[in-house]
């Protein structure tokens, strides 16, 4: 069993996904598996993954589902069922990790907690300026290089390197530790305990709602935004549709009002059981597709 399973969501951004996977090839922690969770990308994404698979120093798997609108929550739940580790790290296919990203998540994990990391958004022009050598050399996440090539935000996340400085900033930040899908981690048993993502939700706070149910179940968040860092590559957001955010806000409001710790629309599509299911109760393969058919 690997020390950690990394779940990366993607949709029709094969170049950004390649940069992200190469970023994970630079990790100081090497005991992990990678699951690309794909919400209906076209053939170019599968082709890119297949071309990269034999060149990467970690196991790479690809879950794909047909494109039937924004269904990231459903895809993430299927990815959880595929994961072999008891600890899960979640991020996106447009977030390139710093080399100590996974090591930081693993070093700071504790029973009864989920971790909330940080990211730095890059402007569109700089995102497209980055090439393969910039990723492999680490320049793409080096503050001085980014600042010299168009990054105008003076973010401390990219400039903090000393362990004491990072720990101090984590402790002093006023930013609440919320569950952000671009950089979060949790014990698999805790995600199963709240029944994973609510599959009714589309774009707009679906990750935060999962974190709120974790809080309601007694699983607290811890901020590691200065320890586990990634950079976000900008791109158009064609998946956003009218009404999505309003639907998500309504579901989140209900979760807060009822202090719900379980979603009947998650990993197990049924009413709240007498006891939370064990990890073994989660279906693993039936009806799922690893990579789209040829």
Protein backbone atom coordinates (compact mmCIF):
# COMPACT_ATOMS: atom_id res chain seq x y z
CA UNK A 1 0.00 0.00 0.00
CA UNK A 2 1.45 3.39 -0.93
CA UNK A 3 1.86 6.03 1.77
CA UNK A 4 -0.58 8.30 -0.04
CA UNK A 5 -2.99 8.27 -2.98
CA UNK A 6 -3.06 11.52 -4.96
CA UNK A 7 -6.31 12.37 -6.76
CA UNK A 8 -6.03 14.99 -9.50
CA UNK A 9 -9.18 16.28 -11.21
CA UNK A 10 -9.03 17.27 -14.88
CA UNK A 11 -11.19 18.32 -17.81
CA UNK A 12 -9.82 19.04 -21.30
CA UNK A 13 -6.54 20.67 -20.25
CA UNK A 14 -3.96 18.06 -21.39
CA UNK A 15 -1.01 20.47 -21.50
CA UNK A 16 -1.63 21.76 -17.99
CA UNK A 17 -2.14 18.17 -16.81
CA UNK A 18 1.24 17.17 -18.25
CA UNK A 19 2.98 20.00 -16.37
CA UNK A 20 1.22 18.92 -13.17
CA UNK A 21 2.25 15.28 -13.56
CA UNK A 22 5.85 16.33 -14.23
CA UNK A 23 5.64 18.40 -11.06
CA UNK A 24 4.78 15.24 -9.13
CA UNK A 25 7.75 13.50 -10.75
CA UNK A 26 9.94 15.97 -8.79
CA UNK A 27 8.49 15.16 -5.36
CA UNK A 28 10.85 14.42 -2.49
CA UNK A 29 8.25 11.89 -1.29
CA UNK A 30 8.21 9.01 -3.78
CA UNK A 31 5.89 6.52 -2.07
CA UNK A 32 2.60 7.46 -3.72
CA UNK A 33 0.18 6.51 -6.46
CA UNK A 34 -1.51 8.96 -8.82
CA UNK A 35 -5.13 8.77 -9.95
CA UNK A 36 -6.23 11.26 -12.61
CA UNK A 37 -9.95 11.81 -12.11
CA UNK A 38 -11.36 12.85 -15.48
CA UNK A 39 -14.82 14.41 -15.86
CA UNK A 40 -15.27 13.64 -19.55
CA UNK A 41 -12.18 14.97 -21.36
CA UNK A 42 -11.72 14.27 -25.05
CA UNK A 43 -9.19 11.80 -26.53
CA UNK A 44 -6.28 14.24 -26.27
CA UNK A 45 -6.15 13.82 -22.49
CA UNK A 46 -6.04 10.02 -22.66
CA UNK A 47 -3.33 10.20 -25.33
CA UNK A 48 -1.23 12.52 -23.19
CA UNK A 49 -1.59 10.26 -20.14
CA UNK A 50 -0.72 7.15 -22.14
CA UNK A 51 2.36 8.86 -23.57
CA UNK A 52 3.56 9.96 -20.13
CA UNK A 53 2.77 6.84 -18.11
CA UNK A 54 5.99 4.91 -18.82
CA UNK A 55 8.17 7.98 -18.19
CA UNK A 56 6.89 8.80 -14.70
CA UNK A 57 8.41 7.43 -11.47
CA UNK A 58 5.03 6.63 -9.90
CA UNK A 59 2.00 4.46 -10.76
CA UNK A 60 -0.48 6.45 -12.85
CA UNK A 61 -4.12 5.48 -13.28
CA UNK A 62 -6.85 7.27 -15.18
CA UNK A 63 -10.54 7.28 -14.29
CA UNK A 64 -12.77 8.68 -17.03
CA UNK A 65 -16.52 9.23 -17.25
CA UNK A 66 -18.59 10.51 -20.20
CA UNK A 67 -19.02 14.26 -20.55
CA UNK A 68 -22.57 14.85 -19.32
CA UNK A 69 -22.08 18.28 -17.81
CA UNK A 70 -20.09 19.24 -14.73
CA UNK A 71 -19.90 16.06 -12.62
CA UNK A 72 -16.62 16.47 -10.77
CA UNK A 73 -18.17 15.30 -7.50
CA UNK A 74 -19.23 11.98 -9.01
CA UNK A 75 -15.79 11.51 -10.57
CA UNK A 76 -14.01 12.28 -7.30
CA UNK A 77 -16.11 9.71 -5.48
CA UNK A 78 -15.13 7.07 -8.03
CA UNK A 79 -11.49 8.04 -7.63
CA UNK A 80 -11.75 7.57 -3.87
CA UNK A 81 -13.00 4.04 -4.45
CA UNK A 82 -9.94 3.31 -6.60
CA UNK A 83 -7.43 4.65 -4.06
CA UNK A 84 -5.21 2.04 -2.38
CA UNK A 85 -3.83 4.21 0.43
CA UNK A 86 -5.49 5.09 3.72
CA UNK A 87 -4.44 8.75 3.22
CA UNK A 88 -5.63 10.90 0.32
CA UNK A 89 -4.29 14.14 -1.18
CA UNK A 90 -6.58 16.11 -3.48
CA UNK A 91 -5.55 18.67 -6.08
CA UNK A 92 -6.38 19.81 -9.62
CA UNK A 93 -4.91 19.25 -13.05
CA UNK A 94 -3.92 22.90 -13.29
CA UNK A 95 -1.95 23.10 -10.01
CA UNK A 96 1.80 22.40 -10.23
CA UNK A 97 3.16 21.29 -6.82
CA UNK A 98 6.36 22.38 -5.16
CA UNK A 99 8.83 19.53 -4.66
CA UNK A 100 7.99 19.22 -0.94
CA UNK A 101 4.22 19.25 -1.52
CA UNK A 102 3.47 15.61 -0.67
CA UNK A 103 6.15 15.41 2.02
CA UNK A 104 4.50 18.36 3.77
CA UNK A 105 1.04 16.77 3.68
CA UNK A 106 2.40 13.51 5.07
CA UNK A 107 4.56 15.10 7.75
CA UNK A 108 1.70 17.24 9.08
CA UNK A 109 -1.18 14.74 8.98
CA UNK A 110 -2.80 13.83 12.29
CA UNK A 111 -5.75 11.61 13.25
CA UNK A 112 -8.98 13.58 13.46
CA UNK A 113 -7.83 16.38 11.14
CA UNK A 114 -7.89 17.32 7.47
CA UNK A 115 -5.24 19.62 5.99
CA UNK A 116 -5.82 22.76 3.94
CA UNK A 117 -2.92 23.89 1.75
CA UNK A 118 -2.39 26.94 -0.42
CA UNK A 119 -1.81 27.93 -4.03
CA UNK A 120 -0.62 30.95 -5.94
CA UNK A 121 -2.53 32.01 -9.04
CA UNK A 122 -0.45 32.81 -12.10
CA UNK A 123 -1.71 35.23 -14.77
CA UNK A 124 -2.70 33.81 -18.15
CA UNK A 125 0.36 35.09 -20.02
CA UNK A 126 2.79 33.67 -17.46
CA UNK A 127 0.92 30.36 -17.37
CA UNK A 128 1.45 30.03 -21.13
CA UNK A 129 5.08 31.16 -20.83
CA UNK A 130 6.00 28.10 -18.74
CA UNK A 131 7.54 25.17 -20.61
CA UNK A 132 8.72 21.64 -19.81
CA UNK A 133 12.18 22.74 -18.70
CA UNK A 134 10.67 25.29 -16.32
CA UNK A 135 8.68 22.51 -14.66
CA UNK A 136 11.52 19.98 -14.47
CA UNK A 137 14.01 22.54 -13.15
CA UNK A 138 11.57 23.86 -10.53
CA UNK A 139 11.67 27.40 -11.97
CA UNK A 140 7.90 27.32 -12.49
CA UNK A 141 7.36 27.45 -8.74
CA UNK A 142 10.34 29.64 -7.82
CA UNK A 143 9.21 33.09 -6.72
CA UNK A 144 12.16 34.99 -8.12
CA UNK A 145 11.82 33.44 -11.57
CA UNK A 146 8.05 33.95 -11.61
CA UNK A 147 8.39 37.57 -10.48
CA UNK A 148 10.91 38.20 -13.26
CA UNK A 149 8.47 36.82 -15.83
CA UNK A 150 5.23 38.58 -14.93
CA UNK A 151 4.02 37.54 -11.46
CA UNK A 152 3.07 40.76 -9.71
CA UNK A 153 1.58 39.35 -6.51
CA UNK A 154 4.16 39.34 -3.69
CA UNK A 155 2.88 36.13 -2.16
CA UNK A 156 4.54 34.86 1.00
CA UNK A 157 3.54 31.28 0.16
CA UNK A 158 6.20 31.05 -2.54
CA UNK A 159 8.85 32.93 -0.56
CA UNK A 160 8.65 31.03 2.74
CA UNK A 161 11.14 28.15 2.81
CA UNK A 162 12.57 27.81 6.32
CA UNK A 163 10.55 25.29 8.38
CA UNK A 164 10.22 27.65 11.34
CA UNK A 165 9.00 30.48 9.10
CA UNK A 166 6.45 28.24 7.41
CA UNK A 167 5.17 26.87 10.72
CA UNK A 168 4.87 30.38 12.14
CA UNK A 169 2.97 31.69 9.15
CA UNK A 170 0.65 28.66 9.23
CA UNK A 171 -0.13 29.43 12.86
CA UNK A 172 -0.59 33.18 12.43
CA UNK A 173 -2.60 33.30 9.19
CA UNK A 174 -6.15 34.65 9.60
CA UNK A 175 -7.34 32.44 6.71
CA UNK A 176 -9.65 29.70 7.97
CA UNK A 177 -8.67 26.09 7.16
CA UNK A 178 -11.36 25.20 4.63
CA UNK A 179 -11.38 22.11 2.42
CA UNK A 180 -10.20 23.38 -0.98
CA UNK A 181 -10.11 20.78 -3.75
CA UNK A 182 -7.01 22.35 -5.28
CA UNK A 183 -4.91 21.48 -2.20
CA UNK A 184 -6.28 19.39 0.64
CA UNK A 185 -5.72 16.04 2.28
CA UNK A 186 -7.57 13.74 4.66
CA UNK A 187 -7.73 10.19 5.94
CA UNK A 188 -9.74 8.01 3.60
CA UNK A 189 -11.76 6.68 6.52
CA UNK A 190 -12.87 10.23 7.38
CA UNK A 191 -13.96 10.94 3.80
CA UNK A 192 -15.90 7.68 3.79
CA UNK A 193 -17.41 8.56 7.16
CA UNK A 194 -19.17 11.62 5.66
CA UNK A 195 -19.94 9.79 2.37
CA UNK A 196 -17.61 11.77 0.13
CA UNK A 197 -18.67 14.52 -2.24
CA UNK A 198 -22.35 15.39 -2.65
CA UNK A 199 -23.00 14.48 -6.30
CA UNK A 200 -25.85 16.98 -6.65
CA UNK A 201 -23.31 19.78 -6.53
CA UNK A 202 -21.64 21.28 -9.57
CA UNK A 203 -19.27 24.25 -9.85
CA UNK A 204 -19.16 26.58 -6.87
CA UNK A 205 -18.22 25.48 -3.35
CA UNK A 206 -18.64 21.72 -3.67
CA UNK A 207 -15.28 21.13 -1.95
CA UNK A 208 -16.15 23.54 0.86
CA UNK A 209 -19.39 21.66 1.55
CA UNK A 210 -17.44 18.42 2.00
CA UNK A 211 -15.22 20.20 4.50
CA UNK A 212 -18.25 21.49 6.38
CA UNK A 213 -19.57 17.95 6.76
CA UNK A 214 -16.15 16.83 7.99
CA UNK A 215 -16.29 19.59 10.60
CA UNK A 216 -19.79 18.51 11.61
CA UNK A 217 -18.47 14.96 12.05
CA UNK A 218 -15.76 16.22 14.41
CA UNK A 219 -12.94 16.24 11.82
CA UNK A 220 -11.20 19.60 12.15
CA UNK A 221 -9.22 21.53 9.57
CA UNK A 222 -5.59 22.58 9.96
CA UNK A 223 -3.98 25.23 7.77
CA UNK A 224 -0.71 24.29 6.03
CA UNK A 225 -0.96 26.95 3.31
CA UNK A 226 2.70 27.98 3.72
CA UNK A 227 4.02 24.40 3.87
CA UNK A 228 2.17 22.63 1.03
CA UNK A 229 2.25 25.00 -1.94
CA UNK A 230 1.36 24.79 -5.62
CA UNK A 231 0.96 27.29 -8.46
CA UNK A 232 -2.26 27.53 -10.43
CA UNK A 233 -2.04 27.72 -14.23
CA UNK A 234 -4.75 30.02 -15.55
CA UNK A 235 -7.24 28.90 -18.23
CA UNK A 236 -10.78 29.67 -19.43
CA UNK A 237 -13.64 28.24 -17.37
CA UNK A 238 -16.11 27.05 -19.96
CA UNK A 239 -17.70 24.61 -17.50
CA UNK A 240 -19.39 27.36 -15.47
CA UNK A 241 -23.10 27.55 -16.27
CA UNK A 242 -25.90 29.78 -14.92
CA UNK A 243 -27.50 28.42 -11.77
CA UNK A 244 -24.62 26.13 -10.73
CA UNK A 245 -23.31 28.35 -7.96
CA UNK A 246 -26.80 29.11 -6.65
CA UNK A 247 -27.55 25.38 -6.42
CA UNK A 248 -24.32 24.76 -4.52
CA UNK A 249 -24.96 27.63 -2.14
CA UNK A 250 -28.41 26.24 -1.34
CA UNK A 251 -27.00 22.80 -0.54
CA UNK A 252 -24.25 24.32 1.61
CA UNK A 253 -26.81 26.39 3.49
CA UNK A 254 -28.81 23.25 4.23
CA UNK A 255 -25.67 21.45 5.44
CA UNK A 256 -24.92 24.31 7.82
CA UNK A 257 -28.53 24.61 9.00
CA UNK A 258 -28.87 20.91 9.82
CA UNK A 259 -25.23 20.41 10.81
CA UNK A 260 -25.22 17.41 8.50
CA UNK A 261 -22.22 15.07 8.56
CA UNK A 262 -23.57 12.71 5.89
CA UNK A 263 -24.77 13.19 2.32
CA UNK A 264 -27.29 10.75 0.93
CA UNK A 265 -25.98 11.70 -2.53
CA UNK A 266 -22.36 10.67 -2.10
CA UNK A 267 -20.20 7.56 -2.25
CA UNK A 268 -23.13 5.40 -1.18
CA UNK A 269 -26.40 6.53 -2.73
CA UNK A 270 -28.64 5.62 0.19
CA UNK A 271 -29.99 6.96 3.46
CA UNK A 272 -27.84 7.41 6.54
CA UNK A 273 -26.85 3.95 7.81
CA UNK A 274 -26.99 2.97 11.45
CA UNK A 275 -23.20 3.07 11.39
CA UNK A 276 -20.91 4.80 8.91
CA UNK A 277 -19.72 2.30 6.29
CA UNK A 278 -16.27 0.79 6.39
CA UNK A 279 -13.85 1.54 3.58
CA UNK A 280 -14.41 -1.97 2.26
CA UNK A 281 -18.10 -1.16 1.74
CA UNK A 282 -17.28 1.34 -1.01
CA UNK A 283 -17.62 -0.23 -4.49
CA UNK A 284 -14.29 -0.33 -6.30
CA UNK A 285 -14.76 -1.13 -9.96
CA UNK A 286 -18.25 -2.09 -11.06
CA UNK A 287 -19.43 0.15 -13.88
CA UNK A 288 -16.35 2.34 -13.86
CA UNK A 289 -13.96 2.98 -16.72
CA UNK A 290 -10.22 3.44 -16.42
CA UNK A 291 -9.43 5.52 -19.51
CA UNK A 292 -12.05 6.02 -22.23
CA UNK A 293 -12.64 3.25 -24.76
CA UNK A 294 -10.54 3.46 -27.90
